[in-house]
């Protein structure tokens, strides 16, 4: 008979195993900043951890779980979307989660965040990261939770070098560009995500990411070389466990936020009128929103006629620049998007947060193809389309942002670099 196993959530809610766990102390400096997480030595997973994470080890393997166990992740802005991401990553058993948020809890946060509660005392005006940290820690005491209450925009580029993956949520376009530039300079993987009521997006810049897939050996030998504009096969070897199976290593190349958020749709999509017609107009609305934020430093106010007119013009221009049919961008779509900007709806954040966290786990495990590179969620259509947005010309991956010697020295010293 197979021994009984349990999920992290099962074991961390009052079972015998959970009672023997040592709860790490949250680290925070007096100035509100957090010291860099200490990387753990990958010395294998203990028997207790194998029992704790048994079901997910069966799903993605022991090596993947070891990679997850040693991962230090930075999560920026603790709102409803970040709640979902934090929940999934902490239950998966990462090494440490650093939450960076300088804003206080508002009454609106209490209606959308399940880590916050008005009982026994109201967390209103308490820092959002601090207010949520206790509930997050209870999910999995094995994970170290660090709190940083300093504005992320004040961080030097060297700050991001301490993390394996940086996840920025619900931030404006200029700040996302700032963070992504810093992660590129430090060769760190970057995710961005945002939710606007019934709509939202995910973005990934993994720079260059290698992953291994296992598949049956074909009669036609696997060719080493490009598979697509962003993906190539770099090696192929027989599986040591089964001669009928081969292990294929692939490499995906990515673009920065600045380039991807203004790049055209893939050429194969533009060539097909049918495929262009089914592209969600929310992509055009999101790009217009990012353009508006870059130009005016704020989000459009639907009650301001001048801003409404300007945003409408930007949406039309972005829709045309994407090569999409004019009839797919309807006035009711614009109105719905404007009324949803900045709002949070729990089912939408659950979908987006779950998908992003799953991709992070896949990236750490290196056994699945990652998101390439935008996901746009349209709650009115109930669909999430994946769009590979890259410049038509030029290098991808590490070739996009070469680091000069002077920048390297500044990063090592911890100086702030002007990204403008």
Protein backbone atom coordinates (compact mmCIF):
# COMPACT_ATOMS: atom_id res chain seq x y z
CA UNK A 1 0.00 0.00 0.00
CA UNK A 2 1.35 3.41 -0.94
CA UNK A 3 2.16 5.67 2.04
CA UNK A 4 -0.24 8.55 2.53
CA UNK A 5 1.03 11.88 1.28
CA UNK A 6 -0.15 15.43 1.68
CA UNK A 7 0.18 18.80 0.01
CA UNK A 8 2.05 21.73 1.56
CA UNK A 9 -1.28 23.25 2.53
CA UNK A 10 -2.30 20.04 4.30
CA UNK A 11 0.91 19.75 6.30
CA UNK A 12 1.07 23.41 7.24
CA UNK A 13 -2.32 23.67 8.86
CA UNK A 14 -2.02 21.79 12.09
CA UNK A 15 -0.65 18.36 11.23
CA UNK A 16 2.09 16.66 13.18
CA UNK A 17 4.79 17.52 10.64
CA UNK A 18 3.93 21.20 10.72
CA UNK A 19 4.29 21.41 14.50
CA UNK A 20 7.97 20.50 14.33
CA UNK A 21 8.90 23.14 11.75
CA UNK A 22 11.15 26.04 12.67
CA UNK A 23 9.69 29.37 11.64
CA UNK A 24 12.30 31.68 10.08
CA UNK A 25 12.39 35.19 11.49
CA UNK A 26 11.44 37.92 9.03
CA UNK A 27 14.40 40.18 8.36
CA UNK A 28 14.03 43.94 8.20
CA UNK A 29 16.47 46.77 8.78
CA UNK A 30 15.55 49.80 10.83
CA UNK A 31 15.47 51.98 7.72
CA UNK A 32 12.82 49.79 6.13
CA UNK A 33 15.15 48.04 3.71
CA UNK A 34 15.89 44.36 3.75
CA UNK A 35 19.29 42.66 3.64
CA UNK A 36 19.99 40.48 0.64
CA UNK A 37 18.75 36.92 1.08
CA UNK A 38 21.50 34.43 1.68
CA UNK A 39 21.69 31.82 -1.06
CA UNK A 40 21.35 28.29 0.23
CA UNK A 41 23.74 25.54 -0.67
CA UNK A 42 21.92 23.01 -2.88
CA UNK A 43 22.69 20.05 -0.65
CA UNK A 44 19.65 17.98 -1.53
CA UNK A 45 16.16 17.80 -0.10
CA UNK A 46 15.58 16.25 3.29
CA UNK A 47 13.23 13.36 3.91
CA UNK A 48 10.80 15.71 5.67
CA UNK A 49 10.71 17.97 2.62
CA UNK A 50 10.17 15.03 0.28
CA UNK A 51 7.16 14.03 2.37
CA UNK A 52 5.91 17.60 2.53
CA UNK A 53 6.19 18.28 -1.20
CA UNK A 54 5.48 14.71 -2.33
CA UNK A 55 2.67 15.49 -4.76
CA UNK A 56 4.45 18.29 -6.56
CA UNK A 57 7.70 16.30 -6.72
CA UNK A 58 5.74 13.61 -8.54
CA UNK A 59 4.47 16.28 -10.91
CA UNK A 60 7.69 18.08 -11.85
CA UNK A 61 10.49 15.94 -10.39
CA UNK A 62 13.03 16.07 -7.58
CA UNK A 63 15.59 18.20 -9.44
CA UNK A 64 12.96 20.82 -10.19
CA UNK A 65 11.92 20.88 -6.54
CA UNK A 66 15.56 21.39 -5.52
CA UNK A 67 15.76 24.40 -7.84
CA UNK A 68 12.52 25.78 -6.41
CA UNK A 69 13.80 25.18 -2.87
CA UNK A 70 16.90 27.31 -3.51
CA UNK A 71 15.14 30.19 -5.29
CA UNK A 72 15.15 33.72 -3.88
CA UNK A 73 12.32 35.77 -5.37
CA UNK A 74 11.48 39.46 -5.17
CA UNK A 75 7.79 40.38 -5.37
CA UNK A 76 7.00 44.06 -5.81
CA UNK A 77 3.66 45.63 -4.72
CA UNK A 78 1.44 43.60 -2.42
CA UNK A 79 -2.04 43.92 -3.91
CA UNK A 80 -4.59 41.29 -4.95
CA UNK A 81 -2.52 40.00 -7.88
CA UNK A 82 0.61 39.68 -5.74
CA UNK A 83 -1.44 37.85 -3.09
CA UNK A 84 -2.12 35.07 -5.58
CA UNK A 85 1.49 34.93 -6.74
CA UNK A 86 2.86 34.86 -3.19
CA UNK A 87 0.44 32.11 -2.15
CA UNK A 88 1.42 29.81 -5.00
CA UNK A 89 5.17 30.36 -4.72
CA UNK A 90 5.30 30.00 -0.94
CA UNK A 91 3.27 26.79 -1.03
CA UNK A 92 5.60 25.50 -3.76
CA UNK A 93 8.49 25.76 -1.28
CA UNK A 94 10.86 28.47 -2.53
CA UNK A 95 13.78 29.46 -0.32
CA UNK A 96 12.83 33.08 0.29
CA UNK A 97 10.25 35.63 -0.77
CA UNK A 98 11.11 39.31 -0.41
CA UNK A 99 8.07 41.58 -0.57
CA UNK A 100 8.80 45.19 -1.49
CA UNK A 101 5.98 47.69 -1.01
CA UNK A 102 6.14 51.19 0.46
CA UNK A 103 2.39 51.88 0.43
CA UNK A 104 -0.07 51.61 3.34
CA UNK A 105 -3.19 49.45 3.48
CA UNK A 106 -6.34 51.22 2.27
CA UNK A 107 -10.00 50.28 2.81
CA UNK A 108 -10.10 49.07 -0.80
CA UNK A 109 -7.28 46.60 -0.04
CA UNK A 110 -9.43 44.89 2.59
CA UNK A 111 -12.03 44.01 -0.04
CA UNK A 112 -9.59 42.42 -2.49
CA UNK A 113 -6.72 40.85 -0.51
CA UNK A 114 -7.23 37.57 1.34
CA UNK A 115 -4.03 38.02 3.38
CA UNK A 116 -5.57 41.04 5.12
CA UNK A 117 -8.24 40.99 7.79
CA UNK A 118 -10.00 43.65 9.84
CA UNK A 119 -9.92 41.30 12.83
CA UNK A 120 -8.70 41.50 15.55
CA UNK A 121 -7.51 45.02 14.65
CA UNK A 122 -7.74 47.00 11.44
CA UNK A 123 -4.55 47.09 9.32
CA UNK A 124 -5.56 50.38 7.69
CA UNK A 125 -2.51 52.66 7.25
CA UNK A 126 -0.15 49.77 8.10
CA UNK A 127 2.41 49.02 5.42
CA UNK A 128 0.88 46.54 2.95
CA UNK A 129 3.84 44.17 2.94
CA UNK A 130 4.03 44.08 6.73
CA UNK A 131 0.28 43.61 7.08
CA UNK A 132 0.25 40.60 4.75
CA UNK A 133 3.47 38.97 5.93
CA UNK A 134 2.09 37.08 8.94
CA UNK A 135 -0.57 35.29 6.91
CA UNK A 136 1.92 34.52 4.14
CA UNK A 137 4.37 33.04 6.63
CA UNK A 138 1.67 30.77 8.03
CA UNK A 139 1.26 29.15 4.61
CA UNK A 140 4.73 27.61 4.80
CA UNK A 141 7.02 28.26 7.79
CA UNK A 142 9.94 26.74 5.86
CA UNK A 143 10.03 29.75 3.53
CA UNK A 144 11.85 32.88 4.68
CA UNK A 145 9.70 35.98 4.28
CA UNK A 146 11.58 39.28 4.02
CA UNK A 147 9.92 42.69 4.09
CA UNK A 148 11.20 45.81 2.36
CA UNK A 149 9.26 49.05 2.84
CA UNK A 150 11.46 51.29 0.68
CA UNK A 151 10.09 52.59 -2.63
CA UNK A 152 11.40 50.28 -5.37
CA UNK A 153 12.17 53.30 -7.55
CA UNK A 154 14.85 54.36 -5.06
CA UNK A 155 16.78 51.10 -5.29
CA UNK A 156 20.20 50.96 -6.98
CA UNK A 157 20.61 48.37 -9.76
CA UNK A 158 22.79 46.21 -7.49
CA UNK A 159 19.77 45.59 -5.24
CA UNK A 160 18.28 43.20 -7.79
CA UNK A 161 21.39 41.01 -8.02
CA UNK A 162 20.40 39.20 -4.80
CA UNK A 163 17.36 37.58 -6.42
CA UNK A 164 16.92 34.80 -8.96
CA UNK A 165 13.62 36.18 -10.25
CA UNK A 166 12.05 39.63 -9.92
CA UNK A 167 8.26 39.97 -10.22
CA UNK A 168 6.78 43.47 -10.53
CA UNK A 169 3.01 43.83 -10.24
CA UNK A 170 0.57 46.69 -10.68
CA UNK A 171 3.17 49.33 -11.53
CA UNK A 172 3.18 52.00 -14.22
CA UNK A 173 5.07 51.56 -17.48
CA UNK A 174 8.04 53.85 -16.62
CA UNK A 175 8.68 51.94 -13.38
CA UNK A 176 8.48 48.58 -15.15
CA UNK A 177 11.04 49.79 -17.66
CA UNK A 178 13.29 51.00 -14.84
CA UNK A 179 13.16 47.67 -13.01
CA UNK A 180 13.60 45.59 -16.16
CA UNK A 181 16.69 47.58 -17.12
CA UNK A 182 18.16 46.89 -13.68
CA UNK A 183 17.38 43.16 -13.89
CA UNK A 184 19.01 43.04 -17.32
CA UNK A 185 22.14 44.71 -16.00
CA UNK A 186 22.30 42.05 -13.28
CA UNK A 187 21.36 39.15 -15.59
CA UNK A 188 18.21 38.39 -13.59
CA UNK A 189 14.91 37.07 -14.87
CA UNK A 190 12.00 39.51 -14.83
CA UNK A 191 8.21 39.25 -14.83
CA UNK A 192 5.67 42.05 -14.97
CA UNK A 193 1.94 41.74 -14.41
CA UNK A 194 -1.04 44.01 -13.97
CA UNK A 195 -4.77 43.65 -13.46
CA UNK A 196 -7.44 46.14 -14.46
CA UNK A 197 -10.79 44.77 -13.38
CA UNK A 198 -11.86 42.27 -16.02
CA UNK A 199 -8.59 42.67 -17.92
CA UNK A 200 -4.91 42.10 -17.27
CA UNK A 201 -1.54 41.09 -18.65
CA UNK A 202 1.62 39.10 -17.94
CA UNK A 203 5.06 39.80 -19.39
CA UNK A 204 8.30 37.86 -19.14
CA UNK A 205 11.89 38.81 -19.90
CA UNK A 206 14.01 35.78 -19.07
CA UNK A 207 16.86 37.14 -21.25
CA UNK A 208 18.01 33.68 -22.41
CA UNK A 209 16.42 30.61 -20.92
CA UNK A 210 17.41 26.98 -21.51
CA UNK A 211 15.01 24.15 -20.78
CA UNK A 212 15.00 20.41 -21.43
CA UNK A 213 12.07 18.45 -22.81
CA UNK A 214 11.78 14.69 -22.90
CA UNK A 215 10.22 13.13 -25.99
CA UNK A 216 10.14 9.89 -27.94
CA UNK A 217 12.90 9.41 -30.49
CA UNK A 218 11.63 10.13 -34.00
CA UNK A 219 12.59 8.39 -37.25
CA UNK A 220 13.90 11.78 -38.38
CA UNK A 221 17.00 12.88 -36.41
CA UNK A 222 16.54 16.02 -34.35
CA UNK A 223 18.19 18.95 -36.10
CA UNK A 224 20.29 21.36 -34.06
CA UNK A 225 19.42 24.95 -34.88
CA UNK A 226 16.57 27.50 -34.95
CA UNK A 227 12.96 26.39 -34.53
CA UNK A 228 11.44 29.88 -34.53
CA UNK A 229 12.67 33.49 -34.39
CA UNK A 230 13.05 33.17 -30.61
CA UNK A 231 13.65 29.46 -29.99
CA UNK A 232 16.40 27.08 -31.05
CA UNK A 233 17.53 23.54 -30.26
CA UNK A 234 21.05 23.64 -28.84
CA UNK A 235 21.60 19.96 -27.99
CA UNK A 236 20.01 16.53 -28.09
CA UNK A 237 21.04 13.39 -26.24
CA UNK A 238 19.51 9.99 -25.47
CA UNK A 239 17.86 9.54 -22.10
CA UNK A 240 20.02 7.49 -19.71
CA UNK A 241 16.88 5.72 -18.51
CA UNK A 242 15.23 4.84 -21.82
CA UNK A 243 16.92 4.49 -25.24
CA UNK A 244 13.60 5.27 -26.94
CA UNK A 245 13.50 8.71 -25.32
CA UNK A 246 15.67 11.72 -26.12
CA UNK A 247 16.41 14.82 -24.05
CA UNK A 248 16.24 17.97 -26.13
CA UNK A 249 17.69 21.22 -24.78
CA UNK A 250 16.06 24.33 -26.18
CA UNK A 251 16.85 28.00 -25.73
CA UNK A 252 14.35 30.85 -25.74
CA UNK A 253 15.47 34.44 -26.35
CA UNK A 254 13.54 37.39 -24.92
CA UNK A 255 13.11 41.12 -25.38
CA UNK A 256 13.05 43.90 -22.81
CA UNK A 257 9.82 45.50 -21.61
CA UNK A 258 10.63 48.73 -23.46
CA UNK A 259 11.00 46.98 -26.82
CA UNK A 260 8.35 44.28 -26.41
CA UNK A 261 5.62 46.69 -25.29
CA UNK A 262 5.98 48.61 -28.56
CA UNK A 263 6.84 45.77 -30.96
CA UNK A 264 4.56 44.48 -33.75
CA UNK A 265 2.64 41.24 -33.80
CA UNK A 266 4.42 38.22 -35.31
CA UNK A 267 4.54 38.29 -39.10
CA UNK A 268 2.70 34.96 -39.44
CA UNK A 269 -0.20 36.46 -37.49
CA UNK A 270 -0.28 39.64 -39.57
CA UNK A 271 -0.42 37.63 -42.80
CA UNK A 272 -3.68 35.97 -41.77
CA UNK A 273 -6.83 38.16 -41.79
CA UNK A 274 -8.62 35.56 -39.69
CA UNK A 275 -5.91 35.56 -37.01
CA UNK A 276 -5.73 39.36 -36.94
CA UNK A 277 -9.46 39.53 -36.41
CA UNK A 278 -9.38 37.36 -33.28
CA UNK A 279 -6.59 39.34 -31.57
CA UNK A 280 -8.16 40.92 -28.51
CA UNK A 281 -8.52 44.73 -28.73
CA UNK A 282 -7.47 44.81 -25.07
CA UNK A 283 -3.88 44.54 -26.33
CA UNK A 284 -4.34 47.89 -28.08
CA UNK A 285 -5.94 49.37 -24.95
CA UNK A 286 -3.09 48.19 -22.74
CA UNK A 287 -0.46 49.61 -25.07
CA UNK A 288 -2.34 52.91 -25.16
CA UNK A 289 -2.42 52.89 -21.36
CA UNK A 290 1.35 52.35 -21.19
CA UNK A 291 1.90 55.13 -23.73
CA UNK A 292 -0.35 57.43 -21.69
CA UNK A 293 1.60 56.63 -18.50
CA UNK A 294 4.91 57.27 -20.24
CA UNK A 295 3.74 60.57 -21.68
CA UNK A 296 1.67 62.02 -18.83
CA UNK A 297 2.89 60.14 -15.74
CA UNK A 298 -0.59 59.00 -14.70
CA UNK A 299 -3.50 56.82 -15.74
CA UNK A 300 -6.36 58.36 -17.77
CA UNK A 301 -9.27 59.66 -15.75
CA UNK A 302 -12.55 58.57 -17.41
CA UNK A 303 -14.24 61.66 -15.95
CA UNK A 304 -11.78 64.02 -17.64
CA UNK A 305 -12.96 64.72 -21.19
CA UNK A 306 -9.54 65.86 -22.39
CA UNK A 307 -7.81 62.75 -21.04
CA UNK A 308 -10.60 60.55 -22.38
CA UNK A 309 -10.20 62.04 -25.86
CA UNK A 310 -6.42 61.66 -25.76
CA UNK A 311 -6.63 58.05 -24.61
CA UNK A 312 -9.16 57.23 -27.33
CA UNK A 313 -6.80 58.62 -29.96
CA UNK A 314 -3.92 56.60 -28.54
CA UNK A 315 -5.99 53.41 -28.62
CA UNK A 316 -6.83 53.95 -32.26
CA UNK A 317 -3.19 54.62 -33.12
CA UNK A 318 -1.99 51.53 -31.26
CA UNK A 319 -4.66 49.39 -32.90
CA UNK A 320 -3.60 50.63 -36.32
CA UNK A 321 0.10 50.17 -35.52
CA UNK A 322 -0.59 46.54 -34.61
CA UNK A 323 -2.20 46.04 -38.02
CA UNK A 324 -5.57 45.04 -36.56
CA UNK A 325 -8.94 45.62 -38.26
CA UNK A 326 -10.53 48.91 -37.21
CA UNK A 327 -13.92 47.26 -36.63
CA UNK A 328 -12.58 45.12 -33.76
CA UNK A 329 -11.91 48.20 -31.60
CA UNK A 330 -15.42 49.20 -30.59
CA UNK A 331 -16.50 52.12 -28.44
CA UNK A 332 -18.00 49.79 -25.84
CA UNK A 333 -14.62 48.04 -25.52
CA UNK A 334 -12.89 51.36 -24.87
CA UNK A 335 -15.55 52.33 -22.35
CA UNK A 336 -15.30 49.01 -20.52
CA UNK A 337 -11.51 49.18 -20.37
CA UNK A 338 -11.50 52.75 -19.06
CA UNK A 339 -13.99 51.89 -16.32
CA UNK A 340 -11.83 48.92 -15.25
CA UNK A 341 -8.46 50.68 -15.03
CA UNK A 342 -6.98 50.28 -11.56
CA UNK A 343 -9.76 48.03 -10.29
CA UNK A 344 -9.24 44.59 -8.77
CA UNK A 345 -11.50 41.57 -9.28
CA UNK A 346 -10.51 38.46 -7.35
CA UNK A 347 -11.29 35.79 -9.99
CA UNK A 348 -9.22 37.70 -12.55
CA UNK A 349 -6.25 38.13 -10.23
CA UNK A 350 -6.51 34.43 -9.34
CA UNK A 351 -6.19 33.46 -13.01
CA UNK A 352 -3.33 35.86 -13.72
CA UNK A 353 -1.48 35.15 -10.48
CA UNK A 354 -1.81 31.41 -10.88
CA UNK A 355 -0.54 31.49 -14.44
CA UNK A 356 2.45 33.66 -13.57
CA UNK A 357 3.40 31.57 -10.53
CA UNK A 358 3.14 28.39 -12.59
CA UNK A 359 5.45 29.85 -15.22
CA UNK A 360 7.97 30.82 -12.53
CA UNK A 361 7.91 27.23 -11.26
CA UNK A 362 8.36 25.94 -14.82
CA UNK A 363 11.31 28.28 -15.35
CA UNK A 364 12.96 27.18 -12.12
CA UNK A 365 12.41 23.52 -13.01
CA UNK A 366 13.63 23.99 -16.61
CA UNK A 367 11.42 21.24 -17.99
CA UNK A 368 8.68 23.28 -19.68
CA UNK A 369 8.58 25.97 -22.33
CA UNK A 370 8.06 29.37 -20.67
CA UNK A 371 5.62 32.11 -21.63
CA UNK A 372 6.88 33.94 -24.71
CA UNK A 373 6.42 36.77 -23.86
CA UNK A 374 3.02 38.51 -23.35
CA UNK A 375 -0.27 37.13 -22.05
CA UNK A 376 -3.32 39.38 -22.39
CA UNK A 377 -6.38 38.40 -20.37
CA UNK A 378 -9.76 39.51 -21.68
CA UNK A 379 -12.41 38.77 -19.09
CA UNK A 380 -15.27 39.72 -21.38
CA UNK A 381 -14.21 37.09 -23.91
CA UNK A 382 -12.98 34.75 -21.16
CA UNK A 383 -9.70 34.10 -22.94
CA UNK A 384 -6.00 34.67 -22.38
CA UNK A 385 -4.03 35.07 -25.59
CA UNK A 386 -0.25 34.62 -25.79
CA UNK A 387 1.60 37.04 -28.06
CA UNK A 388 5.31 36.89 -28.90
CA UNK A 389 6.14 40.59 -29.32
CA UNK A 390 9.69 41.36 -30.44
CA UNK A 391 11.43 43.91 -32.68
CA UNK A 392 11.52 42.98 -36.36
CA UNK A 393 15.26 43.50 -36.51
CA UNK A 394 18.21 43.25 -34.16
CA UNK A 395 19.39 40.78 -31.59
CA UNK A 396 17.35 39.20 -28.84
CA UNK A 397 18.44 37.76 -25.51
CA UNK A 398 21.69 39.05 -24.03
CA UNK A 399 22.54 40.94 -27.20
CA UNK A 400 19.82 43.50 -26.46
CA UNK A 401 21.57 45.18 -23.56
CA UNK A 402 25.36 44.79 -23.47
CA UNK A 403 26.89 45.95 -20.21
CA UNK A 404 29.84 48.31 -20.39
CA UNK A 405 32.76 48.12 -17.99
CA UNK A 406 31.73 51.39 -16.33
CA UNK A 407 28.23 50.08 -15.68
CA UNK A 408 29.66 46.89 -14.21
CA UNK A 409 31.74 48.92 -11.76
CA UNK A 410 28.73 51.02 -10.78
CA UNK A 411 26.64 47.91 -10.17
CA UNK A 412 29.34 46.41 -7.97
CA UNK A 413 29.58 49.65 -5.98
CA UNK A 414 25.81 49.90 -5.66
CA UNK A 415 25.55 53.32 -7.28
CA UNK A 416 22.29 54.44 -8.84
CA UNK A 417 22.41 54.46 -12.64
CA UNK A 418 20.35 56.96 -14.60
CA UNK A 419 18.28 54.87 -17.01
CA UNK A 420 16.83 57.81 -18.92
